[in-house]
Amino acid sequence: MKQPLINNTIVWLAWERHRRTIELCRYLGITPIILESSLPRLFKHPYFFARTLGYILIRRPEILIVQNPSIVLTLLGCVLHRLLGFFFVVDAHNGGIIPDSTIGSNYFWIYRLWQKEADLTIVTNRFMAAIVVENGGKTFILPDKLPEYRSNCAEFDVKGRINILCVSTFDIDEPYREVFEAAKELPDDYLIYMTGNYDKIDSNLPGKCPKQIRLTGFLSEKDYWDLLNSVDFVIDLTFRENCLVCGAYEAVSQRKPLILSDTSMLKEYFARGALFTKNESKSISRTILIAANRLEELQLEVKEGGDVLGKEWAKMGEKLVQILRDKA
């Protein structure tokens, strides 16, 4: 049985809330310091910078773990690591290894710098690990932890014969336009509930969507899990080749079958209870129809797959605990 790392010498800092950080900290027995603010970025980052600096100087941790993104937080951790000598760990999401934006790509040398400077970089998969190693860093591979099964979810008011949750944030790495086109090819009683703040692309989008799409807007934590628990299966697609999408972990935790992008990383990790599609409308609609016809079979597979993933993750989690315990 794992002994949690309840240790005041370990500090975990993040400049935005993310489920991965929350789940990992719960497992490790660490209370994360998550800084959030509605201030514009011009004011928010200096505010976070000052609070982070003060917190670390007061706490003087033996181990500092930061969530990346933010690259600014990570670079601050690098500087303080040099000055104060703590063991510096970066929990790097894909966007922290490979820049999302053109601006970030122009400054890729900064990413190489922090990867070399950190004592340990935690990554979600072997493709990200290879990049860090190539840049002179040390890595530990740890996918997201499956959230705990939620048995107390309420019924969300879904209206279709087949109800589908499409996890979306309407960002550039998501084929949401292809999902809109795919929906037009589905029967009228197939409804796709698409999450996320659509105002960022078009506030008039609800009126332009096919009738098989229901835009939920941004959902509260409770409403999101109620909806997830009420649908028949989940779609979470990405243009990123080596990304393990968060919605897949959440779906598996609630025993919901999946439709995922046809990438080697997703096919390797979510091998049971999932179907895979090209990020093209015809392929997406065809895969949705197949999933609906194989629903019972996929439901059994995803439960078995979740049990396997949970056991495999526990072994990796124990190794991370031991690494941190040796350094604390």
Protein backbone atom coordinates (compact mmCIF):
# COMPACT_ATOMS: atom_id res chain seq x y z
CA MET A 1 0.00 0.00 0.00
CA LYS A 2 1.44 3.36 -1.03
CA GLN A 3 2.46 5.71 1.77
CA PRO A 4 1.56 9.27 0.66
CA LEU A 5 4.27 11.90 0.46
CA ILE A 6 2.89 14.18 3.17
CA ASN A 7 6.03 16.25 3.37
CA ASN A 8 6.37 19.98 3.95
CA THR A 9 9.68 20.02 2.09
CA ILE A 10 7.89 19.38 -1.24
CA VAL A 11 6.09 22.23 -3.03
CA TRP A 12 4.02 21.85 -6.21
CA LEU A 13 3.24 25.13 -8.01
CA ALA A 14 0.97 25.82 -11.00
CA TRP A 15 -0.24 28.99 -12.68
CA GLU A 16 -3.41 27.41 -14.02
CA ARG A 17 -5.76 24.69 -12.82
CA HIS A 18 -5.42 21.34 -14.57
CA ARG A 19 -6.91 17.97 -13.71
CA ARG A 20 -3.56 16.21 -14.13
CA THR A 21 -1.96 18.32 -11.40
CA ILE A 22 -4.89 17.86 -9.05
CA GLU A 23 -4.99 14.08 -9.49
CA LEU A 24 -1.20 13.65 -9.14
CA CYS A 25 -1.07 15.81 -6.02
CA ARG A 26 -3.94 13.88 -4.47
CA TYR A 27 -2.07 10.65 -5.12
CA LEU A 28 1.21 12.00 -3.72
CA GLY A 29 -0.40 13.56 -0.65
CA ILE A 30 0.73 17.07 -1.65
CA THR A 31 -1.48 20.17 -1.51
CA PRO A 32 -0.78 22.05 -4.77
CA ILE A 33 -0.36 25.81 -4.83
CA ILE A 34 -2.49 26.86 -7.82
CA LEU A 35 -2.43 30.56 -8.65
CA GLU A 36 -5.45 31.86 -10.55
CA SER A 37 -6.57 35.36 -11.48
CA SER A 38 -8.98 37.11 -13.85
CA LEU A 39 -6.45 39.92 -14.40
CA PRO A 40 -5.22 40.56 -17.97
CA ARG A 41 -1.99 38.69 -18.79
CA LEU A 42 0.00 41.96 -18.66
CA PHE A 43 -0.79 42.23 -14.92
CA LYS A 44 -1.41 38.57 -14.08
CA HIS A 45 2.08 37.28 -14.81
CA PRO A 46 3.92 39.89 -12.68
CA TYR A 47 1.44 39.19 -9.87
CA PHE A 48 2.00 35.42 -10.11
CA PHE A 49 5.76 35.98 -10.39
CA ALA A 50 5.87 38.00 -7.16
CA ARG A 51 3.67 35.55 -5.25
CA THR A 52 5.69 32.55 -6.44
CA LEU A 53 9.00 34.18 -5.56
CA GLY A 54 7.78 35.11 -2.08
CA TYR A 55 6.31 31.68 -1.45
CA ILE A 56 9.47 29.81 -2.40
CA LEU A 57 11.74 32.14 -0.43
CA ILE A 58 9.58 31.63 2.67
CA ARG A 59 9.06 27.87 2.31
CA ARG A 60 12.58 27.02 1.07
CA PRO A 61 11.50 23.59 -0.31
CA GLU A 62 13.88 20.71 -0.80
CA ILE A 63 11.86 19.70 -3.86
CA LEU A 64 10.02 22.11 -6.15
CA ILE A 65 7.62 20.71 -8.77
CA VAL A 66 6.12 23.09 -11.33
CA GLN A 67 3.44 22.58 -13.94
CA ASN A 68 4.52 23.49 -17.48
CA PRO A 69 2.82 25.33 -19.12
CA SER A 70 3.55 27.99 -17.80
CA ILE A 71 6.94 28.44 -19.44
CA VAL A 72 7.45 31.63 -17.36
CA LEU A 73 6.92 29.68 -14.13
CA THR A 74 9.31 27.01 -15.37
CA LEU A 75 12.04 29.54 -16.17
CA LEU A 76 11.58 31.15 -12.75
CA GLY A 77 11.99 27.69 -11.22
CA CYS A 78 15.24 27.24 -13.17
CA VAL A 79 16.69 30.50 -11.81
CA LEU A 80 15.70 29.75 -8.22
CA HIS A 81 16.97 26.19 -8.59
CA ARG A 82 20.42 27.63 -9.34
CA LEU A 83 20.24 30.08 -6.45
CA LEU A 84 18.66 27.90 -3.75
CA GLY A 85 19.79 24.40 -4.75
CA PHE A 86 16.50 22.50 -4.38
CA PHE A 87 15.70 19.41 -6.48
CA PHE A 88 13.78 20.82 -9.44
CA VAL A 89 11.03 18.80 -11.15
CA VAL A 90 8.95 19.92 -14.13
CA ASP A 91 5.67 18.17 -14.87
CA ALA A 92 5.53 18.94 -18.59
CA HIS A 93 2.35 18.73 -20.63
CA ASN A 94 2.80 18.36 -24.39
CA GLY A 95 2.59 22.13 -24.89
CA GLY A 96 5.45 22.51 -22.44
CA ILE A 97 7.70 20.32 -24.59
CA ILE A 98 6.57 21.34 -28.08
CA PRO A 99 5.43 24.99 -28.31
CA ASP A 100 1.79 25.50 -29.33
CA SER A 101 2.34 28.82 -31.05
CA THR A 102 4.56 30.21 -33.80
CA ILE A 103 6.04 32.62 -31.24
CA GLY A 104 7.00 29.71 -28.99
CA SER A 105 8.55 27.85 -31.92
CA ASN A 106 10.80 30.83 -32.63
CA TYR A 107 12.20 30.54 -29.11
CA PHE A 108 12.62 26.78 -28.95
CA TRP A 109 16.09 27.28 -27.44
CA ILE A 110 14.31 28.34 -24.22
CA TYR A 111 12.56 24.96 -24.08
CA ARG A 112 15.89 23.19 -24.55
CA LEU A 113 17.40 25.30 -21.77
CA TRP A 114 14.87 24.40 -19.10
CA GLN A 115 14.81 20.72 -20.12
CA LYS A 116 18.56 20.57 -19.56
CA GLU A 117 18.39 22.59 -16.33
CA ALA A 118 15.63 20.60 -14.58
CA ASP A 119 16.75 17.69 -12.41
CA LEU A 120 13.77 15.68 -13.66
CA THR A 121 11.07 16.22 -16.27
CA ILE A 122 7.88 14.20 -15.93
CA VAL A 123 6.23 13.55 -19.32
CA THR A 124 3.15 11.64 -20.41
CA ASN A 125 4.69 9.37 -23.04
CA ARG A 126 7.87 8.05 -24.63
CA PHE A 127 7.74 10.43 -27.60
CA MET A 128 7.94 13.45 -25.29
CA ALA A 129 10.62 11.70 -23.23
CA ALA A 130 12.79 11.25 -26.34
CA ILE A 131 12.70 15.00 -27.02
CA VAL A 132 13.77 15.85 -23.47
CA VAL A 133 16.61 13.30 -23.53
CA GLU A 134 17.80 14.64 -26.88
CA ASN A 135 17.93 18.11 -25.29
CA GLY A 136 20.10 16.84 -22.43
CA GLY A 137 17.41 16.30 -19.80
CA LYS A 138 16.36 13.43 -17.53
CA THR A 139 12.81 12.12 -17.74
CA PHE A 140 10.21 10.04 -15.97
CA ILE A 141 7.22 8.80 -17.97
CA LEU A 142 3.88 9.05 -16.17
CA PRO A 143 0.57 9.32 -18.07
CA ASP A 144 -2.36 11.08 -16.43
CA LYS A 145 -3.92 9.20 -13.55
CA LEU A 146 -7.43 7.94 -14.21
CA PRO A 147 -9.86 10.01 -12.11
CA GLU A 148 -11.77 8.14 -9.44
CA TYR A 149 -15.04 6.60 -10.60
CA ARG A 150 -17.93 8.92 -9.73
CA SER A 151 -20.99 6.98 -8.63
CA ASN A 152 -23.01 9.98 -7.43
CA CYS A 153 -23.53 11.76 -10.77
CA ALA A 154 -26.99 13.13 -11.53
CA GLU A 155 -28.81 12.59 -14.82
CA PHE A 156 -28.08 15.23 -17.43
CA ASP A 157 -31.07 16.06 -19.63
CA VAL A 158 -29.94 14.37 -22.83
CA LYS A 159 -32.50 14.13 -25.62
CA GLY A 160 -31.21 11.72 -28.27
CA ARG A 161 -31.61 8.01 -28.87
CA ILE A 162 -27.82 7.93 -29.10
CA ASN A 163 -26.12 10.62 -27.01
CA ILE A 164 -22.46 11.52 -27.48
CA LEU A 165 -20.14 13.83 -25.57
CA CYS A 166 -17.54 15.59 -27.73
CA VAL A 167 -14.86 17.06 -25.46
CA SER A 168 -13.76 20.37 -26.96
CA THR A 169 -12.15 23.68 -26.11
CA PHE A 170 -12.36 25.00 -29.71
CA ASP A 171 -8.58 25.33 -29.94
CA ILE A 172 -6.49 25.02 -33.10
CA ASP A 173 -5.36 21.47 -32.25
CA GLU A 174 -8.96 20.15 -32.38
CA PRO A 175 -10.87 19.14 -35.56
CA TYR A 176 -14.15 20.67 -34.34
CA ARG A 177 -15.12 21.84 -37.84
CA GLU A 178 -14.83 18.25 -39.05
CA VAL A 179 -17.14 17.15 -36.22
CA PHE A 180 -19.74 19.71 -37.38
CA GLU A 181 -19.60 18.27 -40.89
CA ALA A 182 -19.72 14.69 -39.61
CA ALA A 183 -22.86 15.42 -37.59
CA LYS A 184 -24.76 16.26 -40.78
CA GLU A 185 -24.32 12.65 -41.92
CA LEU A 186 -25.89 11.18 -38.77
CA PRO A 187 -29.54 10.25 -38.08
CA ASP A 188 -31.57 13.04 -36.46
CA ASP A 189 -31.81 11.15 -33.15
CA TYR A 190 -28.02 11.04 -32.74
CA LEU A 191 -27.09 14.07 -30.64
CA ILE A 192 -23.53 15.30 -30.04
CA TYR A 193 -23.10 17.44 -26.92
CA MET A 194 -20.06 19.61 -27.60
CA THR A 195 -18.41 21.26 -24.60
CA GLY A 196 -16.24 24.36 -24.42
CA ASN A 197 -16.42 28.11 -24.86
CA TYR A 198 -17.45 28.55 -28.49
CA ASP A 199 -17.49 32.37 -28.17
CA LYS A 200 -13.76 32.38 -28.88
CA ILE A 201 -14.48 31.42 -32.51
CA ASP A 202 -18.05 32.67 -33.11
CA SER A 203 -20.69 33.77 -30.59
CA ASN A 204 -23.38 33.03 -33.20
CA LEU A 205 -22.21 29.44 -33.67
CA PRO A 206 -25.30 27.73 -32.12
CA GLY A 207 -27.47 29.05 -34.94
CA LYS A 208 -25.06 27.75 -37.56
CA CYS A 209 -24.66 24.20 -36.22
CA PRO A 210 -26.35 21.13 -37.67
CA LYS A 211 -29.36 19.96 -35.66
CA GLN A 212 -27.43 16.93 -34.37
CA ILE A 213 -25.04 19.24 -32.43
CA ARG A 214 -25.81 20.72 -29.02
CA LEU A 215 -23.28 23.32 -27.86
CA THR A 216 -23.17 23.26 -24.07
CA GLY A 217 -20.79 26.17 -23.57
CA PHE A 218 -18.37 25.96 -20.68
CA LEU A 219 -19.74 23.56 -18.05
CA SER A 220 -19.22 23.53 -14.31
CA GLU A 221 -17.31 20.57 -12.90
CA LYS A 222 -20.54 18.97 -11.68
CA ASP A 223 -22.45 19.48 -14.93
CA TYR A 224 -19.54 18.14 -16.97
CA TRP A 225 -19.40 14.88 -15.00
CA ASP A 226 -23.20 14.57 -15.02
CA LEU A 227 -23.16 14.88 -18.81
CA LEU A 228 -20.26 12.47 -19.18
CA ASN A 229 -22.08 9.93 -17.04
CA SER A 230 -25.31 10.30 -19.07
CA VAL A 231 -24.02 9.82 -22.63
CA ASP A 232 -23.47 6.58 -24.51
CA PHE A 233 -19.89 7.30 -25.56
CA VAL A 234 -17.27 10.06 -25.81
CA ILE A 235 -15.39 11.68 -28.69
CA ASP A 236 -12.06 13.44 -28.04
CA LEU A 237 -10.03 14.30 -31.14
CA THR A 238 -6.73 16.06 -31.70
CA PHE A 239 -4.39 17.03 -34.51
CA ARG A 240 -1.44 16.46 -32.16
CA GLU A 241 0.36 13.27 -33.09
CA ASN A 242 1.73 12.40 -29.63
CA CYS A 243 -0.97 13.69 -27.29
CA LEU A 244 -2.89 11.63 -24.71
CA VAL A 245 -6.10 13.64 -24.49
CA CYS A 246 -7.62 14.39 -21.08
CA GLY A 247 -11.17 13.46 -22.11
CA ALA A 248 -10.05 9.90 -22.79
CA TYR A 249 -8.89 9.40 -19.20
CA GLU A 250 -12.16 10.86 -17.91
CA ALA A 251 -14.25 8.64 -20.17
CA VAL A 252 -12.38 5.48 -19.17
CA SER A 253 -12.82 6.35 -15.49
CA GLN A 254 -16.62 6.38 -16.03
CA ARG A 255 -16.57 3.24 -18.22
CA LYS A 256 -17.60 5.14 -21.34
CA PRO A 257 -16.47 3.89 -24.79
CA LEU A 258 -14.33 6.24 -26.84
CA ILE A 259 -13.77 7.57 -30.32
CA LEU A 260 -10.25 8.96 -30.62
CA SER A 261 -7.98 10.27 -33.34
CA ASP A 262 -6.08 7.62 -35.26
CA THR A 263 -2.62 8.31 -33.82
CA SER A 264 -0.08 5.71 -32.74
CA MET A 265 0.12 7.12 -29.21
CA LEU A 266 -3.63 7.00 -28.56
CA LYS A 267 -3.97 3.55 -30.15
CA GLU A 268 -1.13 2.26 -28.00
CA TYR A 269 -2.43 3.57 -24.67
CA PHE A 270 -6.22 3.32 -25.07
CA ALA A 271 -6.22 -0.07 -26.75
CA ARG A 272 -9.47 -1.36 -25.21
CA GLY A 273 -12.96 0.10 -25.50
CA ALA A 274 -11.99 2.67 -28.14
CA LEU A 275 -12.47 3.13 -31.87
CA PHE A 276 -10.13 5.32 -33.90
CA THR A 277 -10.90 7.73 -36.70
CA LYS A 278 -9.08 9.96 -39.13
CA ASN A 279 -9.71 13.64 -38.44
CA GLU A 280 -12.00 13.84 -41.47
CA SER A 281 -15.77 14.27 -41.42
CA LYS A 282 -16.61 11.10 -43.39
CA SER A 283 -14.38 8.97 -41.19
CA ILE A 284 -15.78 10.54 -38.00
CA SER A 285 -19.44 9.97 -38.96
CA ARG A 286 -18.72 6.39 -40.08
CA THR A 287 -16.94 5.63 -36.78
CA ILE A 288 -19.82 7.09 -34.76
CA LEU A 289 -22.26 4.73 -36.48
CA ILE A 290 -19.97 1.75 -35.84
CA ALA A 291 -19.64 2.71 -32.15
CA ALA A 292 -23.41 2.93 -31.75
CA ASN A 293 -23.81 -0.57 -33.21
CA ARG A 294 -21.05 -2.04 -31.01
CA LEU A 295 -21.99 -0.22 -27.82
CA GLU A 296 -22.39 -3.19 -25.45
CA GLU A 297 -19.16 -4.80 -26.63
CA LEU A 298 -17.23 -1.55 -26.23
CA GLN A 299 -18.66 -0.98 -22.76
CA LEU A 300 -17.24 -4.31 -21.59
CA GLU A 301 -13.89 -3.57 -23.22
CA VAL A 302 -13.50 -0.12 -21.69
CA LYS A 303 -14.10 -1.47 -18.18
CA GLU A 304 -11.42 -4.12 -18.70
CA GLY A 305 -9.11 -1.51 -20.19
CA GLY A 306 -9.61 0.83 -17.25
CA ASP A 307 -8.66 -1.93 -14.79
CA VAL A 308 -5.45 -2.63 -16.73
CA LEU A 309 -4.50 1.06 -17.02
CA GLY A 310 -5.12 1.58 -13.32
CA LYS A 311 -2.78 -1.27 -12.32
CA GLU A 312 -0.06 -0.16 -14.75
CA TRP A 313 -0.26 3.43 -13.55
CA ALA A 314 0.00 2.36 -9.90
CA LYS A 315 3.38 0.75 -10.61
CA MET A 316 4.67 3.92 -12.27
CA GLY A 317 3.27 6.06 -9.49
CA GLU A 318 5.11 4.02 -6.87
CA LYS A 319 8.39 4.59 -8.72
CA LEU A 320 7.84 8.36 -8.72
CA VAL A 321 7.05 8.30 -5.02
CA GLN A 322 10.32 6.54 -4.34
CA ILE A 323 12.29 9.05 -6.42
CA LEU A 324 10.80 11.98 -4.51
CA ARG A 325 11.17 10.26 -1.16
CA ASP A 326 14.89 9.73 -1.84
CA LYS A 327 15.34 13.43 -2.62
CA ALA A 328 13.19 14.91 0.17
